């Protein structure tokens, strides 16, 4: 089996249209994650929860350019019924939802409360990544930085593990790699160009040469928090594919590197998680600008 490269990406892909139902997408992404985060803080560090909720609500209020949702009726009580923690803070629910809608840059002349609509990719990506970023940022305002970052990492791991049933399962690295091979007539993955390396001794290398998410959130200033928002969930996501799969990743595009260096380890075969040097990834495939 040979090394191959999958996917395609150009910066103009951020202007492609993405179809979604705004409120349904908000419930299963932004609001679901925030609800889980509030419950996680309540369990792990309950003393900071009141301050965190107050500061996060203030942050969303400051970010709002104008009231959203006033043009169309949004039934917050109906939306919140599935979120046992978030529904206790209706102002936070309202402002977090309003900020999400603002990021989507919705056309209020259309009925988006029930219908599917099309938005730009950049708005689609920002609608959830900006939320993750500010959820983390505010945590650093109520806890010492290192403690806040670790708590947020633990939350991401727990959250992604909680949705493990949504991830496909693979018995082996070979099965996982085969699933990366484009099928005839299949549309390429837009946004991520990935060099798929050869599996050797229980290690599957991948070099991700582009990241549409990074381009969508360039303006956010804190690199560490962008990494938490966009990248950190990958570690548990791969483990969700198989409990013996462990990801190591030492370079990321979000972190300013030219690519993301990834090794997926099958610890049943080899439990040495040593990550190869940069020279290994440089040599996988010719580097392009």
Protein backbone atom coordinates (compact mmCIF):
# COMPACT_ATOMS: atom_id res chain seq x y z
CA UNK A 1 0.00 0.00 0.00
CA UNK A 2 1.34 3.42 -0.93
CA UNK A 3 1.38 6.79 0.76
CA UNK A 4 -1.43 8.94 -0.63
CA UNK A 5 -2.88 12.40 -0.17
CA UNK A 6 -6.58 13.06 0.38
CA UNK A 7 -8.84 16.09 0.34
CA UNK A 8 -8.64 19.49 -1.25
CA UNK A 9 -8.74 23.06 -0.01
CA UNK A 10 -8.47 26.64 -1.17
CA UNK A 11 -9.09 29.71 0.96
CA UNK A 12 -12.10 30.48 -1.25
CA UNK A 13 -13.78 27.36 0.20
CA UNK A 14 -14.62 29.52 3.22
CA UNK A 15 -17.12 31.25 0.93
CA UNK A 16 -18.84 28.01 -0.03
CA UNK A 17 -22.36 27.57 1.28
CA UNK A 18 -23.21 25.23 4.15
CA UNK A 19 -26.80 24.11 4.73
CA UNK A 20 -28.16 23.78 8.25
CA UNK A 21 -31.19 24.35 10.41
CA UNK A 22 -29.90 27.07 12.77
CA UNK A 23 -31.79 26.20 15.95
CA UNK A 24 -31.33 22.44 15.63
CA UNK A 25 -27.61 22.93 14.97
CA UNK A 26 -27.32 25.25 17.98
CA UNK A 27 -28.97 22.69 20.25
CA UNK A 28 -26.72 19.81 19.26
CA UNK A 29 -23.49 21.80 19.24
CA UNK A 30 -23.19 25.15 21.02
CA UNK A 31 -25.89 24.72 23.66
CA UNK A 32 -25.22 21.03 24.26
CA UNK A 33 -21.53 21.70 24.91
CA UNK A 34 -22.23 24.67 27.16
CA UNK A 35 -24.77 22.70 29.15
CA UNK A 36 -22.21 19.91 29.62
CA UNK A 37 -19.53 22.42 30.62
CA UNK A 38 -21.74 23.94 33.32
CA UNK A 39 -22.47 20.48 34.70
CA UNK A 40 -18.78 19.60 34.58
CA UNK A 41 -17.78 22.74 36.50
CA UNK A 42 -20.55 22.09 39.02
CA UNK A 43 -19.08 18.66 39.64
CA UNK A 44 -15.35 19.46 39.54
CA UNK A 45 -15.16 23.00 40.95
CA UNK A 46 -18.61 24.15 42.10
CA UNK A 47 -17.29 27.20 43.93
CA UNK A 48 -16.48 29.01 40.68
CA UNK A 49 -19.76 28.28 38.90
CA UNK A 50 -21.66 31.47 39.88
CA UNK A 51 -18.74 33.69 38.89
CA UNK A 52 -18.19 31.76 35.66
CA UNK A 53 -21.83 32.07 34.61
CA UNK A 54 -21.88 35.81 35.39
CA UNK A 55 -18.66 36.53 33.50
CA UNK A 56 -19.58 34.37 30.52
CA UNK A 57 -22.97 36.03 30.23
CA UNK A 58 -21.26 39.44 30.39
CA UNK A 59 -18.80 38.36 27.69
CA UNK A 60 -21.56 37.35 25.28
CA UNK A 61 -23.40 40.61 26.01
CA UNK A 62 -20.27 42.59 25.14
CA UNK A 63 -19.81 40.62 21.91
CA UNK A 64 -23.36 41.20 20.72
CA UNK A 65 -23.69 43.98 18.17
CA UNK A 66 -27.47 44.01 18.29
CA UNK A 67 -30.31 41.91 19.72
CA UNK A 68 -30.84 38.75 17.70
CA UNK A 69 -33.98 36.73 17.56
CA UNK A 70 -36.32 39.66 18.15
CA UNK A 71 -37.36 39.59 14.50
CA UNK A 72 -38.53 35.98 14.79
CA UNK A 73 -40.06 34.24 17.78
CA UNK A 74 -37.68 31.90 19.59
CA UNK A 75 -39.23 29.86 22.38
CA UNK A 76 -36.38 29.65 24.89
CA UNK A 77 -38.34 27.46 27.29
CA UNK A 78 -38.82 24.87 24.58
CA UNK A 79 -35.17 25.06 23.54
CA UNK A 80 -33.88 24.74 27.10
CA UNK A 81 -35.96 21.75 28.19
CA UNK A 82 -33.22 19.25 27.31
CA UNK A 83 -30.43 21.21 29.04
CA UNK A 84 -30.73 20.60 32.78
CA UNK A 85 -27.88 22.93 33.73
CA UNK A 86 -28.20 25.71 31.16
CA UNK A 87 -31.94 26.20 31.70
CA UNK A 88 -31.14 27.44 35.22
CA UNK A 89 -29.51 30.49 33.64
CA UNK A 90 -31.99 31.88 31.09
CA UNK A 91 -29.98 35.07 30.45
CA UNK A 92 -26.90 33.02 29.60
CA UNK A 93 -28.98 30.77 27.36
CA UNK A 94 -30.46 33.74 25.55
CA UNK A 95 -27.17 35.59 25.06
CA UNK A 96 -25.15 32.53 24.06
CA UNK A 97 -27.81 31.70 21.47
CA UNK A 98 -27.92 35.31 20.29
CA UNK A 99 -24.15 35.38 19.82
CA UNK A 100 -24.31 32.12 17.87
CA UNK A 101 -27.00 33.58 15.59
CA UNK A 102 -24.94 36.74 15.12
CA UNK A 103 -21.94 34.68 14.02
CA UNK A 104 -24.08 32.88 11.44
CA UNK A 105 -24.90 36.28 9.96
CA UNK A 106 -28.47 35.21 9.26
CA UNK A 107 -30.76 36.86 6.77
CA UNK A 108 -33.71 37.82 8.97
CA UNK A 109 -35.98 38.14 5.97
CA UNK A 110 -36.03 34.35 5.83
CA UNK A 111 -37.75 32.04 8.27
CA UNK A 112 -34.76 30.33 9.87
CA UNK A 113 -36.53 29.19 13.04
CA UNK A 114 -37.81 26.03 11.36
CA UNK A 115 -36.47 25.94 7.81
CA UNK A 116 -33.03 24.95 6.65
CA UNK A 117 -30.93 27.77 5.29
CA UNK A 118 -27.53 28.21 3.66
CA UNK A 119 -24.72 30.19 5.27
CA UNK A 120 -21.10 30.79 4.37
CA UNK A 121 -18.63 28.17 5.58
CA UNK A 122 -16.70 30.81 7.51
CA UNK A 123 -19.83 31.82 9.43
CA UNK A 124 -20.75 28.18 10.02
CA UNK A 125 -17.33 27.39 11.52
CA UNK A 126 -17.13 30.57 13.58
CA UNK A 127 -20.59 29.92 15.03
CA UNK A 128 -19.29 27.04 17.14
CA UNK A 129 -15.52 27.65 17.42
CA UNK A 130 -15.90 31.19 18.74
CA UNK A 131 -18.17 29.80 21.45
CA UNK A 132 -15.63 27.19 22.49
CA UNK A 133 -12.91 29.85 22.51
CA UNK A 134 -14.82 32.25 24.76
CA UNK A 135 -15.99 29.44 27.04
CA UNK A 136 -12.30 28.72 27.65
CA UNK A 137 -11.26 32.37 27.84
CA UNK A 138 -13.74 33.20 30.58
CA UNK A 139 -12.59 30.17 32.56
CA UNK A 140 -9.09 31.73 32.63
CA UNK A 141 -10.69 34.81 34.18
CA UNK A 142 -12.05 32.90 37.17
CA UNK A 143 -9.15 30.48 37.68
CA UNK A 144 -5.36 30.67 37.46
CA UNK A 145 -4.42 30.14 33.80
CA UNK A 146 -2.81 26.69 34.02
CA UNK A 147 -5.58 25.41 36.25
CA UNK A 148 -8.24 26.77 33.89
CA UNK A 149 -6.60 25.21 30.83
CA UNK A 150 -6.34 21.82 32.53
CA UNK A 151 -9.97 21.97 33.68
CA UNK A 152 -11.06 22.83 30.14
CA UNK A 153 -9.00 19.98 28.72
CA UNK A 154 -10.61 17.58 31.19
CA UNK A 155 -14.04 18.87 30.20
CA UNK A 156 -13.33 18.39 26.47
CA UNK A 157 -12.12 14.84 27.07
CA UNK A 158 -15.19 14.00 29.15
CA UNK A 159 -17.58 15.61 26.67
CA UNK A 160 -16.13 13.92 23.59
CA UNK A 161 -16.09 10.59 25.43
CA UNK A 162 -19.76 11.09 26.28
CA UNK A 163 -20.65 11.17 22.57
CA UNK A 164 -18.48 8.17 21.65
CA UNK A 165 -21.46 6.33 20.18
CA UNK A 166 -21.54 8.93 17.38
CA UNK A 167 -18.08 7.94 16.13
CA UNK A 168 -17.49 5.02 13.71
CA UNK A 169 -15.65 2.05 15.16
CA UNK A 170 -12.57 0.34 13.66
CA UNK A 171 -10.97 -2.92 14.75
CA UNK A 172 -7.51 -2.14 13.39
CA UNK A 173 -5.38 0.73 12.08
CA UNK A 174 -5.47 -0.95 8.68
CA UNK A 175 -9.27 -0.80 8.66
CA UNK A 176 -9.12 2.85 9.70
CA UNK A 177 -6.59 3.69 6.95
CA UNK A 178 -8.61 1.91 4.26
CA UNK A 179 -11.58 4.08 5.23
CA UNK A 180 -9.44 7.13 4.33
CA UNK A 181 -9.00 5.93 0.72
CA UNK A 182 -11.36 7.92 -1.55
CA UNK A 183 -13.90 5.75 -3.33
CA UNK A 184 -14.55 6.14 -7.02
CA UNK A 185 -16.96 9.00 -7.65
CA UNK A 186 -16.76 10.17 -4.03
CA UNK A 187 -16.43 13.92 -3.45
CA UNK A 188 -13.13 14.95 -1.82
CA UNK A 189 -13.08 16.15 1.77
CA UNK A 190 -13.12 19.94 1.55
CA UNK A 191 -10.96 21.83 4.02
CA UNK A 192 -8.36 19.28 5.00
CA UNK A 193 -5.58 18.01 2.75
CA UNK A 194 -4.03 15.04 4.54
CA UNK A 195 -1.03 12.88 3.71
CA UNK A 196 -1.88 9.32 4.73
CA UNK A 197 1.31 7.51 5.66
CA UNK A 198 2.21 3.84 5.98
CA UNK A 199 1.36 1.80 9.05
CA UNK A 200 4.47 0.37 10.70
CA UNK A 201 4.75 -1.36 14.06
CA UNK A 202 1.34 -0.21 15.26
CA UNK A 203 1.77 3.43 14.23
CA UNK A 204 -0.22 5.24 11.53
CA UNK A 205 1.19 8.66 10.56
CA UNK A 206 -0.89 11.44 9.06
CA UNK A 207 0.24 14.94 8.07
CA UNK A 208 -2.57 17.46 7.83
CA UNK A 209 -1.40 20.15 5.42
CA UNK A 210 -4.39 22.49 5.56
CA UNK A 211 -6.99 23.49 8.14
CA UNK A 212 -10.08 25.43 7.15
CA UNK A 213 -10.98 25.89 10.82
CA UNK A 214 -7.72 27.74 11.46
CA UNK A 215 -8.37 30.10 8.55
CA UNK A 216 -11.87 30.79 9.86
CA UNK A 217 -10.66 31.91 13.30
CA UNK A 218 -7.44 33.73 12.41
CA UNK A 219 -8.60 36.88 14.16
CA UNK A 220 -8.87 35.23 17.59
CA UNK A 221 -5.66 36.25 19.41
CA UNK A 222 -4.99 33.54 22.01
CA UNK A 223 -3.28 30.61 20.27
CA UNK A 224 -3.50 28.23 23.22
CA UNK A 225 -7.24 28.74 23.55
CA UNK A 226 -7.74 28.36 19.79
CA UNK A 227 -5.92 25.02 20.08
CA UNK A 228 -8.32 23.97 22.84
CA UNK A 229 -11.31 25.04 20.76
CA UNK A 230 -10.28 23.50 17.45
CA UNK A 231 -7.79 20.70 18.11
CA UNK A 232 -7.81 19.21 21.59
CA UNK A 233 -10.96 17.14 21.10
CA UNK A 234 -9.12 15.07 18.47
CA UNK A 235 -7.28 13.10 21.15
CA UNK A 236 -10.46 11.61 22.61
CA UNK A 237 -12.20 11.43 19.22
CA UNK A 238 -9.64 8.95 17.90
CA UNK A 239 -9.88 6.95 21.11
CA UNK A 240 -13.64 6.81 20.52
CA UNK A 241 -12.91 4.95 17.26
CA UNK A 242 -11.13 2.24 19.23
CA UNK A 243 -10.23 2.17 22.92
CA UNK A 244 -6.67 1.09 22.01
CA UNK A 245 -6.09 3.99 19.60
CA UNK A 246 -4.02 6.82 21.09
CA UNK A 247 -3.23 10.01 19.16
CA UNK A 248 -0.02 11.97 19.54
CA UNK A 249 0.25 15.36 17.84
CA UNK A 250 3.16 17.74 18.39
CA UNK A 251 2.71 20.29 15.59
CA UNK A 252 -0.51 22.06 14.64
CA UNK A 253 -1.48 24.61 12.01
CA UNK A 254 -3.46 26.46 14.68
CA UNK A 255 -0.25 26.68 16.68
CA UNK A 256 1.59 28.28 13.77
CA UNK A 257 3.23 25.18 12.30
CA UNK A 258 3.10 24.42 8.55
CA UNK A 259 1.09 21.25 9.21
CA UNK A 260 -0.38 19.06 11.94
CA UNK A 261 1.83 16.06 12.73
CA UNK A 262 -0.30 13.12 13.85
CA UNK A 263 0.48 9.55 14.82
CA UNK A 264 -2.32 7.16 15.66
CA UNK A 265 -0.94 4.40 17.86
CA UNK A 266 -2.51 0.99 18.40
CA UNK A 267 -1.32 0.24 21.92
CA UNK A 268 -2.18 -3.46 21.58
CA UNK A 269 0.71 -3.72 19.11
CA UNK A 270 3.07 -1.08 20.44
CA UNK A 271 2.60 0.93 23.62
CA UNK A 272 5.60 3.17 22.94
CA UNK A 273 4.02 6.58 22.24
CA UNK A 274 7.24 8.25 21.12
CA UNK A 275 6.40 10.84 18.45
CA UNK A 276 8.68 10.98 15.37
CA UNK A 277 10.79 14.11 14.80
CA UNK A 278 9.74 16.88 12.43
CA UNK A 279 12.09 15.55 9.75
CA UNK A 280 9.95 12.42 9.47
CA UNK A 281 6.83 14.44 8.64
CA UNK A 282 8.73 16.79 6.32
CA UNK A 283 9.78 13.77 4.25
CA UNK A 284 6.34 12.16 3.98
CA UNK A 285 5.32 14.28 0.95
CA UNK A 286 6.67 17.41 -0.73
CA UNK A 287 5.77 20.49 1.28
CA UNK A 288 3.76 23.17 -0.55
CA UNK A 289 3.01 26.78 0.29
